[in-house]
Amino acid sequence: METLNYRFEQGTRRLRTDPQVVGVVGSGNLEVLIEPAALDGACTIEITTAAVGFGPIWQAVMNDFHARWLLADTRISINDMGATPAVVSLRLDQAVQTMLGDAS
C-alpha cells in the first residue's frame, strides 16, 4: 500500500453540502469521499492505493482534476484498488457532481 498526498491552492469553487461517498473499493475501482473542510482555500487529496509506484501518474490525474474544477476548502480521500486514470477521473467528477446535485 502507498499513501499519496496532494494540496492545491487558489481554488474558487466551494462545495457546501454534506460529505458524499461515490464508488466502491474493489479490483479496478476506487472509493471517493468528498467533503467541505476549512483549509484556507485549498483542496487536499489523500490517496491510499494498492498500486505502488504510480505517483507521477496520480500527480498528472490530480493536476487535471484540479484544473477542471478549481475546488476550494474541500477534502478528498481516495481508497484505490488499481483503478485506471480514466476511472479515477470519472469517479472524481462523479463525486463533485454529486456534491453539486448534478449526478443522476
PDB file of N, CA and C in Angstrom:
ATOM      1  N   MET A   1       0.848  -1.185   0.000  1.00  0.00           N
ATOM      2  CA  MET A   1       0.000   0.000   0.000  1.00  0.00           C
ATOM      3  C   MET A   1       0.890   1.243   0.000  1.00  0.00           C
ATOM      4  N   GLU A   2       0.392   2.283  -0.650  1.00  0.00           N
ATOM      5  CA  GLU A   2       1.099   3.555  -0.709  1.00  0.00           C
ATOM      6  C   GLU A   2       0.098   4.670  -0.441  1.00  0.00           C
ATOM      7  N   THR A   3       0.531   5.691   0.288  1.00  0.00           N
ATOM      8  CA  THR A   3      -0.315   6.851   0.542  1.00  0.00           C
ATOM      9  C   THR A   3       0.315   8.065  -0.114  1.00  0.00           C
ATOM     10  N   LEU A   4      -0.468   8.774  -0.898  1.00  0.00           N
ATOM     11  CA  LEU A   4      -0.011   9.973  -1.600  1.00  0.00           C
ATOM     12  C   LEU A   4      -0.875  11.147  -1.147  1.00  0.00           C
ATOM     13  N   ASN A   5      -0.253  12.296  -0.966  1.00  0.00           N
ATOM     14  CA  ASN A   5      -0.988  13.494  -0.541  1.00  0.00           C
ATOM     15  C   ASN A   5      -0.716  14.635  -1.498  1.00  0.00           C
ATOM     16  N   TYR A   6      -1.773  15.341  -1.861  1.00  0.00           N
ATOM     17  CA  TYR A   6      -1.672  16.491  -2.745  1.00  0.00           C
ATOM     18  C   TYR A   6      -2.446  17.649  -2.137  1.00  0.00           C
ATOM     19  N   ARG A   7      -1.947  18.849  -2.366  1.00  0.00           N
ATOM     20  CA  ARG A   7      -2.635  20.050  -1.896  1.00  0.00           C
ATOM     21  C   ARG A   7      -2.614  21.066  -3.038  1.00  0.00           C
ATOM     22  N   PHE A   8      -3.775  21.581  -3.358  1.00  0.00           N
ATOM     23  CA  PHE A   8      -3.895  22.558  -4.432  1.00  0.00           C
ATOM     24  C   PHE A   8      -4.427  23.862  -3.847  1.00  0.00           C
ATOM     25  N   GLU A   9      -3.786  24.949  -4.192  1.00  0.00           N
ATOM     26  CA  GLU A   9      -4.177  26.276  -3.719  1.00  0.00           C
ATOM     27  C   GLU A   9      -4.930  27.009  -4.830  1.00  0.00           C
ATOM     28  N   GLN A  10      -5.508  28.124  -4.467  1.00  0.00           N
ATOM     29  CA  GLN A  10      -6.127  29.056  -5.416  1.00  0.00           C
ATOM     30  C   GLN A  10      -7.350  28.495  -6.114  1.00  0.00           C
ATOM     31  N   GLY A  11      -8.064  27.605  -5.443  1.00  0.00           N
ATOM     32  CA  GLY A  11      -9.343  27.170  -5.979  1.00  0.00           C
ATOM     33  C   GLY A  11     -10.380  28.262  -5.782  1.00  0.00           C
ATOM     34  N   THR A  12     -11.462  28.196  -6.519  1.00  0.00           N
ATOM     35  CA  THR A  12     -12.504  29.223  -6.435  1.00  0.00           C
ATOM     36  C   THR A  12     -13.884  28.643  -6.151  1.00  0.00           C
ATOM     37  N   ARG A  13     -14.049  27.335  -6.290  1.00  0.00           N
ATOM     38  CA  ARG A  13     -15.369  26.724  -6.135  1.00  0.00           C
ATOM     39  C   ARG A  13     -15.456  25.988  -4.800  1.00  0.00           C
ATOM     40  N   ARG A  14     -16.382  26.452  -3.966  1.00  0.00           N
ATOM     41  CA  ARG A  14     -16.585  25.816  -2.661  1.00  0.00           C
ATOM     42  C   ARG A  14     -17.840  24.956  -2.700  1.00  0.00           C
ATOM     43  N   LEU A  15     -17.738  23.778  -2.108  1.00  0.00           N
ATOM     44  CA  LEU A  15     -18.868  22.863  -2.024  1.00  0.00           C
ATOM     45  C   LEU A  15     -19.435  22.966  -0.622  1.00  0.00           C
ATOM     46  N   ARG A  16     -20.740  23.120  -0.491  1.00  0.00           N
ATOM     47  CA  ARG A  16     -21.317  23.406   0.813  1.00  0.00           C
ATOM     48  C   ARG A  16     -22.365  22.389   1.254  1.00  0.00           C
ATOM     49  N   THR A  17     -22.298  21.209   0.759  1.00  0.00           N
ATOM     50  CA  THR A  17     -23.275  20.207   1.163  1.00  0.00           C
ATOM     51  C   THR A  17     -22.617  19.157   2.055  1.00  0.00           C
ATOM     52  N   ASP A  18     -23.406  18.194   2.460  1.00  0.00           N
ATOM     53  CA  ASP A  18     -22.897  17.129   3.310  1.00  0.00           C
ATOM     54  C   ASP A  18     -21.862  16.291   2.560  1.00  0.00           C
ATOM     55  N   PRO A  19     -20.947  15.654   3.300  1.00  0.00           N
ATOM     56  CA  PRO A  19     -19.969  14.761   2.660  1.00  0.00           C
ATOM     57  C   PRO A  19     -20.661  13.683   1.829  1.00  0.00           C
ATOM     58  N   GLN A  20     -19.999  13.276   0.768  1.00  0.00           N
ATOM     59  CA  GLN A  20     -20.547  12.254  -0.118  1.00  0.00           C
ATOM     60  C   GLN A  20     -19.490  11.178  -0.384  1.00  0.00           C
ATOM     61  N   VAL A  21     -19.948   9.956  -0.585  1.00  0.00           N
ATOM     62  CA  VAL A  21     -19.076   8.849  -0.973  1.00  0.00           C
ATOM     63  C   VAL A  21     -19.587   8.305  -2.299  1.00  0.00           C
ATOM     64  N   VAL A  22     -18.680   8.141  -3.255  1.00  0.00           N
ATOM     65  CA  VAL A  22     -19.038   7.525  -4.533  1.00  0.00           C
ATOM     66  C   VAL A  22     -18.045   6.413  -4.824  1.00  0.00           C
ATOM     67  N   GLY A  23     -18.479   5.428  -5.594  1.00  0.00           N
ATOM     68  CA  GLY A  23     -17.627   4.323  -5.984  1.00  0.00           C
ATOM     69  C   GLY A  23     -17.589   3.235  -4.930  1.00  0.00           C
ATOM     70  N   VAL A  24     -16.835   2.209  -5.238  1.00  0.00           N
ATOM     71  CA  VAL A  24     -16.672   1.075  -4.336  1.00  0.00           C
ATOM     72  C   VAL A  24     -15.206   0.659  -4.333  1.00  0.00           C
ATOM     73  N   VAL A  25     -14.776   0.125  -3.205  1.00  0.00           N
ATOM     74  CA  VAL A  25     -13.418  -0.383  -3.136  1.00  0.00           C
ATOM     75  C   VAL A  25     -13.455  -1.811  -3.661  1.00  0.00           C
ATOM     76  N   GLY A  26     -12.907  -2.012  -4.829  1.00  0.00           N
ATOM     77  CA  GLY A  26     -12.876  -3.327  -5.455  1.00  0.00           C
ATOM     78  C   GLY A  26     -11.842  -3.313  -6.564  1.00  0.00           C
ATOM     79  N   SER A  27     -11.498  -4.450  -7.046  1.00  0.00           N
ATOM     80  CA  SER A  27     -10.474  -4.558  -8.070  1.00  0.00           C
ATOM     81  C   SER A  27     -10.795  -3.676  -9.272  1.00  0.00           C
ATOM     82  N   GLY A  28      -9.851  -2.806  -9.633  1.00  0.00           N
ATOM     83  CA  GLY A  28     -10.025  -1.918 -10.769  1.00  0.00           C
ATOM     84  C   GLY A  28     -10.944  -0.753 -10.503  1.00  0.00           C
ATOM     85  N   ASN A  29     -11.292  -0.527  -9.262  1.00  0.00           N
ATOM     86  CA  ASN A  29     -12.207   0.567  -8.927  1.00  0.00           C
ATOM     87  C   ASN A  29     -11.670   1.312  -7.720  1.00  0.00           C
ATOM     88  N   LEU A  30     -12.397   2.298  -7.268  1.00  0.00           N
ATOM     89  CA  LEU A  30     -11.979   3.090  -6.118  1.00  0.00           C
ATOM     90  C   LEU A  30     -13.181   3.743  -5.467  1.00  0.00           C
ATOM     91  N   GLU A  31     -12.974   4.185  -4.246  1.00  0.00           N
ATOM     92  CA  GLU A  31     -13.991   4.876  -3.471  1.00  0.00           C
ATOM     93  C   GLU A  31     -13.484   6.287  -3.215  1.00  0.00           C
ATOM     94  N   VAL A  32     -14.368   7.269  -3.384  1.00  0.00           N
ATOM     95  CA  VAL A  32     -14.006   8.671  -3.163  1.00  0.00           C
ATOM     96  C   VAL A  32     -14.915   9.249  -2.093  1.00  0.00           C
ATOM     97  N   LEU A  33     -14.325   9.802  -1.038  1.00  0.00           N
ATOM     98  CA  LEU A  33     -15.043  10.581  -0.034  1.00  0.00           C
ATOM     99  C   LEU A  33     -14.701  12.036  -0.295  1.00  0.00           C
ATOM    100  N   ILE A  34     -15.722  12.865  -0.476  1.00  0.00           N
ATOM    101  CA  ILE A  34     -15.506  14.294  -0.718  1.00  0.00           C
ATOM    102  C   ILE A  34     -16.306  15.067   0.320  1.00  0.00           C
ATOM    103  N   GLU A  35     -15.650  16.082   0.906  1.00  0.00           N
ATOM    104  CA  GLU A  35     -16.312  16.829   1.969  1.00  0.00           C
ATOM    105  C   GLU A  35     -15.779  18.254   2.032  1.00  0.00           C
ATOM    106  N   PRO A  36     -16.652  19.178   2.438  1.00  0.00           N
ATOM    107  CA  PRO A  36     -16.172  20.535   2.677  1.00  0.00           C
ATOM    108  C   PRO A  36     -15.273  20.543   3.907  1.00  0.00           C
ATOM    109  N   ALA A  37     -14.254  21.398   3.913  1.00  0.00           N
ATOM    110  CA  ALA A  37     -13.344  21.493   5.055  1.00  0.00           C
ATOM    111  C   ALA A  37     -12.693  22.876   5.039  1.00  0.00           C
ATOM    112  N   ALA A  38     -12.466  23.421   6.217  1.00  0.00           N
ATOM    113  CA  ALA A  38     -11.787  24.718   6.313  1.00  0.00           C
ATOM    114  C   ALA A  38     -10.291  24.497   6.091  1.00  0.00           C
ATOM    115  N   LEU A  39      -9.822  24.800   4.884  1.00  0.00           N
ATOM    116  CA  LEU A  39      -8.422  24.547   4.509  1.00  0.00           C
ATOM    117  C   LEU A  39      -7.763  25.804   3.956  1.00  0.00           C
ATOM    118  N   ASP A  40      -8.221  26.977   4.398  1.00  0.00           N
ATOM    119  CA  ASP A  40      -7.660  28.253   3.917  1.00  0.00           C
ATOM    120  C   ASP A  40      -7.707  28.351   2.393  1.00  0.00           C
ATOM    121  N   GLY A  41      -8.797  27.846   1.808  1.00  0.00           N
ATOM    122  CA  GLY A  41      -8.988  27.939   0.366  1.00  0.00           C
ATOM    123  C   GLY A  41      -8.361  26.819  -0.439  1.00  0.00           C
ATOM    124  N   ALA A  42      -7.746  25.876   0.221  1.00  0.00           N
ATOM    125  CA  ALA A  42      -7.070  24.798  -0.506  1.00  0.00           C
ATOM    126  C   ALA A  42      -7.997  23.599  -0.728  1.00  0.00           C
ATOM    127  N   CYS A  43      -7.551  22.727  -1.591  1.00  0.00           N
ATOM    128  CA  CYS A  43      -8.188  21.422  -1.801  1.00  0.00           C
ATOM    129  C   CYS A  43      -7.108  20.388  -1.538  1.00  0.00           C
ATOM    130  N   THR A  44      -7.376  19.474  -0.608  1.00  0.00           N
ATOM    131  CA  THR A  44      -6.409  18.420  -0.322  1.00  0.00           C
ATOM    132  C   THR A  44      -6.952  17.083  -0.794  1.00  0.00           C
ATOM    133  N   ILE A  45      -6.060  16.255  -1.246  1.00  0.00           N
ATOM    134  CA  ILE A  45      -6.428  14.928  -1.732  1.00  0.00           C
ATOM    135  C   ILE A  45      -5.459  13.915  -1.137  1.00  0.00           C
ATOM    136  N   GLU A  46      -6.008  12.938  -0.419  1.00  0.00           N
ATOM    137  CA  GLU A  46      -5.193  11.843   0.115  1.00  0.00           C
ATOM    138  C   GLU A  46      -5.597  10.566  -0.593  1.00  0.00           C
ATOM    139  N   ILE A  47      -4.622   9.888  -1.126  1.00  0.00           N
ATOM    140  CA  ILE A  47      -4.862   8.664  -1.889  1.00  0.00           C
ATOM    141  C   ILE A  47      -4.182   7.503  -1.186  1.00  0.00           C
ATOM    142  N   THR A  48      -4.948   6.473  -0.889  1.00  0.00           N
ATOM    143  CA  THR A  48      -4.390   5.214  -0.410  1.00  0.00           C
ATOM    144  C   THR A  48      -4.607   4.210  -1.525  1.00  0.00           C
ATOM    145  N   THR A  49      -3.501   3.690  -2.043  1.00  0.00           N
ATOM    146  CA  THR A  49      -3.606   2.827  -3.216  1.00  0.00           C
ATOM    147  C   THR A  49      -2.827   1.526  -3.037  1.00  0.00           C
ATOM    148  N   ALA A  50      -3.370   0.483  -3.616  1.00  0.00           N
ATOM    149  CA  ALA A  50      -2.707  -0.819  -3.615  1.00  0.00           C
ATOM    150  C   ALA A  50      -1.642  -0.888  -4.712  1.00  0.00           C
ATOM    151  N   ALA A  51      -1.713   0.013  -5.678  1.00  0.00           N
ATOM    152  CA  ALA A  51      -0.770   0.031  -6.798  1.00  0.00           C
ATOM    153  C   ALA A  51       0.394   0.966  -6.450  1.00  0.00           C
ATOM    154  N   VAL A  52       1.494   0.416  -6.031  1.00  0.00           N
ATOM    155  CA  VAL A  52       2.651   1.192  -5.588  1.00  0.00           C
ATOM    156  C   VAL A  52       3.500   1.617  -6.793  1.00  0.00           C
ATOM    157  N   GLY A  53       4.015   2.866  -6.741  1.00  0.00           N
ATOM    158  CA  GLY A  53       4.961   3.322  -7.755  1.00  0.00           C
ATOM    159  C   GLY A  53       4.355   4.118  -8.897  1.00  0.00           C
ATOM    160  N   PHE A  54       3.128   4.577  -8.748  1.00  0.00           N
ATOM    161  CA  PHE A  54       2.479   5.316  -9.823  1.00  0.00           C
ATOM    162  C   PHE A  54       2.268   6.786  -9.458  1.00  0.00           C
ATOM    163  N   GLY A  55       3.120   7.314  -8.573  1.00  0.00           N
ATOM    164  CA  GLY A  55       2.990   8.702  -8.127  1.00  0.00           C
ATOM    165  C   GLY A  55       2.925   9.722  -9.247  1.00  0.00           C
ATOM    166  N   PRO A  56       3.797   9.649 -10.259  1.00  0.00           N
ATOM    167  CA  PRO A  56       3.725  10.647 -11.340  1.00  0.00           C
ATOM    168  C   PRO A  56       2.395  10.599 -12.114  1.00  0.00           C
ATOM    169  N   ILE A  57       1.823   9.416 -12.265  1.00  0.00           N
ATOM    170  CA  ILE A  57       0.528   9.318 -12.959  1.00  0.00           C
ATOM    171  C   ILE A  57      -0.573   9.914 -12.094  1.00  0.00           C
ATOM    172  N   TRP A  58      -0.552   9.597 -10.796  1.00  0.00           N
ATOM    173  CA  TRP A  58      -1.532  10.210  -9.884  1.00  0.00           C
ATOM    174  C   TRP A  58      -1.405  11.735  -9.918  1.00  0.00           C
ATOM    175  N   GLN A  59      -0.180  12.230  -9.891  1.00  0.00           N
ATOM    176  CA  GLN A  59       0.028  13.680  -9.911  1.00  0.00           C
ATOM    177  C   GLN A  59      -0.606  14.294 -11.153  1.00  0.00           C
ATOM    178  N   ALA A  60      -0.413  13.670 -12.309  1.00  0.00           N
ATOM    179  CA  ALA A  60      -0.992  14.196 -13.548  1.00  0.00           C
ATOM    180  C   ALA A  60      -2.513  14.181 -13.499  1.00  0.00           C
ATOM    181  N   VAL A  61      -3.089  13.096 -12.990  1.00  0.00           N
ATOM    182  CA  VAL A  61      -4.553  12.997 -12.920  1.00  0.00           C
ATOM    183  C   VAL A  61      -5.110  14.028 -11.935  1.00  0.00           C
ATOM    184  N   MET A  62      -4.429  14.229 -10.787  1.00  0.00           N
ATOM    185  CA  MET A  62      -4.897  15.211  -9.807  1.00  0.00           C
ATOM    186  C   MET A  62      -4.745  16.632 -10.336  1.00  0.00           C
ATOM    187  N   ASN A  63      -3.648  16.908 -11.050  1.00  0.00           N
ATOM    188  CA  ASN A  63      -3.480  18.235 -11.665  1.00  0.00           C
ATOM    189  C   ASN A  63      -4.618  18.527 -12.635  1.00  0.00           C
ATOM    190  N   ASP A  64      -4.952  17.550 -13.459  1.00  0.00           N
ATOM    191  CA  ASP A  64      -6.043  17.722 -14.423  1.00  0.00           C
ATOM    192  C   ASP A  64      -7.361  17.941 -13.700  1.00  0.00           C
ATOM    193  N   PHE A  65      -7.620  17.154 -12.662  1.00  0.00           N
ATOM    194  CA  PHE A  65      -8.863  17.304 -11.888  1.00  0.00           C
ATOM    195  C   PHE A  65      -8.956  18.710 -11.306  1.00  0.00           C
ATOM    196  N   HIS A  66      -7.883  19.153 -10.681  1.00  0.00           N
ATOM    197  CA  HIS A  66      -7.911  20.485 -10.066  1.00  0.00           C
ATOM    198  C   HIS A  66      -8.119  21.573 -11.124  1.00  0.00           C
ATOM    199  N   ALA A  67      -7.472  21.453 -12.250  1.00  0.00           N
ATOM    200  CA  ALA A  67      -7.621  22.458 -13.310  1.00  0.00           C
ATOM    201  C   ALA A  67      -9.060  22.528 -13.811  1.00  0.00           C
ATOM    202  N   ARG A  68      -9.750  21.387 -13.829  1.00  0.00           N
ATOM    203  CA  ARG A  68     -11.136  21.381 -14.333  1.00  0.00           C
ATOM    204  C   ARG A  68     -12.136  21.917 -13.316  1.00  0.00           C
ATOM    205  N   TRP A  69     -11.926  21.655 -12.019  1.00  0.00           N
ATOM    206  CA  TRP A  69     -12.935  22.009 -11.009  1.00  0.00           C
ATOM    207  C   TRP A  69     -12.540  23.176 -10.120  1.00  0.00           C
ATOM    208  N   LEU A  70     -11.269  23.449  -9.927  1.00  0.00           N
ATOM    209  CA  LEU A  70     -10.785  24.546  -9.069  1.00  0.00           C
ATOM    210  C   LEU A  70     -11.487  24.563  -7.713  1.00  0.00           C
ATOM    211  N   LEU A  71     -11.486  23.431  -7.029  1.00  0.00           N
ATOM    212  CA  LEU A  71     -12.152  23.335  -5.738  1.00  0.00           C
ATOM    213  C   LEU A  71     -11.359  24.062  -4.659  1.00  0.00           C
ATOM    214  N   ALA A  72     -12.100  24.662  -3.734  1.00  0.00           N
ATOM    215  CA  ALA A  72     -11.513  25.335  -2.580  1.00  0.00           C
ATOM    216  C   ALA A  72     -12.168  24.790  -1.318  1.00  0.00           C
ATOM    217  N   ASP A  73     -11.427  24.772  -0.230  1.00  0.00           N
ATOM    218  CA  ASP A  73     -11.943  24.287   1.058  1.00  0.00           C
ATOM    219  C   ASP A  73     -12.650  22.937   0.902  1.00  0.00           C
ATOM    220  N   THR A  74     -11.965  22.033   0.262  1.00  0.00           N
ATOM    221  CA  THR A  74     -12.504  20.700   0.002  1.00  0.00           C
ATOM    222  C   THR A  74     -11.451  19.651   0.332  1.00  0.00           C
ATOM    223  N   ARG A  75     -11.883  18.608   1.028  1.00  0.00           N
ATOM    224  CA  ARG A  75     -11.003  17.475   1.345  1.00  0.00           C
ATOM    225  C   ARG A  75     -11.519  16.243   0.599  1.00  0.00           C
ATOM    226  N   ILE A  76     -10.620  15.568  -0.070  1.00  0.00           N
ATOM    227  CA  ILE A  76     -10.964  14.370  -0.822  1.00  0.00           C
ATOM    228  C   ILE A  76     -10.076  13.228  -0.335  1.00  0.00           C
ATOM    229  N   SER A  77     -10.704  12.096  -0.062  1.00  0.00           N
ATOM    230  CA  SER A  77      -9.969  10.891   0.325  1.00  0.00           C
ATOM    231  C   SER A  77     -10.320   9.787  -0.664  1.00  0.00           C
ATOM    232  N   ILE A  78      -9.298   9.115  -1.164  1.00  0.00           N
ATOM    233  CA  ILE A  78      -9.488   8.075  -2.174  1.00  0.00           C
ATOM    234  C   ILE A  78      -8.912   6.769  -1.660  1.00  0.00           C
ATOM    235  N   ASN A  79      -9.705   5.717  -1.734  1.00  0.00           N
ATOM    236  CA  ASN A  79      -9.225   4.354  -1.479  1.00  0.00           C
ATOM    237  C   ASN A  79      -9.233   3.636  -2.814  1.00  0.00           C
ATOM    238  N   ASP A  80      -8.046   3.334  -3.317  1.00  0.00           N
ATOM    239  CA  ASP A  80      -7.909   2.794  -4.673  1.00  0.00           C
ATOM    240  C   ASP A  80      -7.483   1.332  -4.657  1.00  0.00           C
ATOM    241  N   MET A  81      -8.078   0.592  -5.571  1.00  0.00           N
ATOM    242  CA  MET A  81      -7.690  -0.814  -5.754  1.00  0.00           C
ATOM    243  C   MET A  81      -7.286  -1.055  -7.200  1.00  0.00           C
ATOM    244  N   GLY A  82      -6.427  -0.183  -7.723  1.00  0.00           N
ATOM    245  CA  GLY A  82      -5.882  -0.382  -9.052  1.00  0.00           C
ATOM    246  C   GLY A  82      -6.727   0.171 -10.183  1.00  0.00           C
ATOM    247  N   ALA A  83      -7.464   1.249  -9.920  1.00  0.00           N
ATOM    248  CA  ALA A  83      -8.268   1.870 -10.973  1.00  0.00           C
ATOM    249  C   ALA A  83      -7.367   2.532 -12.007  1.00  0.00           C
ATOM    250  N   THR A  84      -7.817   2.549 -13.249  1.00  0.00           N
ATOM    251  CA  THR A  84      -7.068   3.231 -14.309  1.00  0.00           C
ATOM    252  C   THR A  84      -7.271   4.741 -14.168  1.00  0.00           C
ATOM    253  N   PRO A  85      -6.397   5.551 -14.771  1.00  0.00           N
ATOM    254  CA  PRO A  85      -6.580   7.002 -14.691  1.00  0.00           C
ATOM    255  C   PRO A  85      -7.957   7.467 -15.186  1.00  0.00           C
ATOM    256  N   ALA A  86      -8.487   6.832 -16.207  1.00  0.00           N
ATOM    257  CA  ALA A  86      -9.811   7.219 -16.706  1.00  0.00           C
ATOM    258  C   ALA A  86     -10.891   6.974 -15.657  1.00  0.00           C
ATOM    259  N   VAL A  87     -10.811   5.848 -14.967  1.00  0.00           N
ATOM    260  CA  VAL A  87     -11.793   5.545 -13.910  1.00  0.00           C
ATOM    261  C   VAL A  87     -11.632   6.525 -12.754  1.00  0.00           C
ATOM    262  N   VAL A  88     -10.396   6.856 -12.416  1.00  0.00           N
ATOM    263  CA  VAL A  88     -10.158   7.830 -11.343  1.00  0.00           C
ATOM    264  C   VAL A  88     -10.813   9.162 -11.706  1.00  0.00           C
ATOM    265  N   SER A  89     -10.587   9.638 -12.913  1.00  0.00           N
ATOM    266  CA  SER A  89     -11.172  10.914 -13.336  1.00  0.00           C
ATOM    267  C   SER A  89     -12.693  10.862 -13.319  1.00  0.00           C
ATOM    268  N   LEU A  90     -13.253   9.771 -13.791  1.00  0.00           N
ATOM    269  CA  LEU A  90     -14.709   9.643 -13.802  1.00  0.00           C
ATOM    270  C   LEU A  90     -15.281   9.652 -12.376  1.00  0.00           C
ATOM    271  N   ARG A  91     -14.646   8.929 -11.468  1.00  0.00           N
ATOM    272  CA  ARG A  91     -15.129   8.897 -10.072  1.00  0.00           C
ATOM    273  C   ARG A  91     -14.998  10.261  -9.406  1.00  0.00           C
ATOM    274  N   LEU A  92     -13.900  10.959  -9.657  1.00  0.00           N
ATOM    275  CA  LEU A  92     -13.740  12.291  -9.075  1.00  0.00           C
ATOM    276  C   LEU A  92     -14.805  13.245  -9.612  1.00  0.00           C
ATOM    277  N   ASP A  93     -15.049  13.194 -10.911  1.00  0.00           N
ATOM    278  CA  ASP A  93     -16.113  14.031 -11.492  1.00  0.00           C
ATOM    279  C   ASP A  93     -17.468  13.661 -10.900  1.00  0.00           C
ATOM    280  N   GLN A  94     -17.716  12.376 -10.750  1.00  0.00           N
ATOM    281  CA  GLN A  94     -18.970  11.914 -10.156  1.00  0.00           C
ATOM    282  C   GLN A  94     -19.116  12.455  -8.728  1.00  0.00           C
ATOM    283  N   ALA A  95     -18.033  12.453  -7.968  1.00  0.00           N
ATOM    284  CA  ALA A  95     -18.083  12.951  -6.591  1.00  0.00           C
ATOM    285  C   ALA A  95     -18.448  14.434  -6.558  1.00  0.00           C
ATOM    286  N   VAL A  96     -17.815  15.233  -7.399  1.00  0.00           N
ATOM    287  CA  VAL A  96     -18.110  16.667  -7.428  1.00  0.00           C
ATOM    288  C   VAL A  96     -19.544  16.900  -7.898  1.00  0.00           C
ATOM    289  N   GLN A  97     -19.941  16.201  -8.945  1.00  0.00           N
ATOM    290  CA  GLN A  97     -21.300  16.381  -9.461  1.00  0.00           C
ATOM    291  C   GLN A  97     -22.343  15.963  -8.434  1.00  0.00           C
ATOM    292  N   THR A  98     -22.047  14.958  -7.627  1.00  0.00           N
ATOM    293  CA  THR A  98     -22.951  14.564  -6.550  1.00  0.00           C
ATOM    294  C   THR A  98     -23.069  15.699  -5.530  1.00  0.00           C
ATOM    295  N   MET A  99     -21.938  16.300  -5.202  1.00  0.00           N
ATOM    296  CA  MET A  99     -21.965  17.428  -4.255  1.00  0.00           C
ATOM    297  C   MET A  99     -22.754  18.604  -4.828  1.00  0.00           C
ATOM    298  N   LEU A 100     -22.667  18.799  -6.132  1.00  0.00           N
ATOM    299  CA  LEU A 100     -23.366  19.914  -6.773  1.00  0.00           C
ATOM    300  C   LEU A 100     -24.826  19.591  -7.077  1.00  0.00           C
ATOM    301  N   GLY A 101     -25.210  18.324  -6.883  1.00  0.00           N
ATOM    302  CA  GLY A 101     -26.579  17.933  -7.184  1.00  0.00           C
ATOM    303  C   GLY A 101     -26.809  17.650  -8.639  1.00  0.00           C
ATOM    304  N   ASP A 102     -25.716  17.461  -9.397  1.00  0.00           N
ATOM    305  CA  ASP A 102     -25.822  17.223 -10.838  1.00  0.00           C
ATOM    306  C   ASP A 102     -25.807  15.751 -11.204  1.00  0.00           C
ATOM    307  N   ALA A 103     -25.473  14.854 -10.276  1.00  0.00           N
ATOM    308  CA  ALA A 103     -25.343  13.432 -10.607  1.00  0.00           C
ATOM    309  C   ALA A 103     -26.716  12.818 -10.866  1.00  0.00           C
ATOM    310  N   SER A 104     -26.761  11.898 -11.747  1.00  0.00           N
ATOM    311  CA  SER A 104     -28.032  11.208 -12.000  1.00  0.00           C
ATOM    312  C   SER A 104     -27.839   9.729 -11.879  1.00  0.00           C
TER     313      SER A 104
END
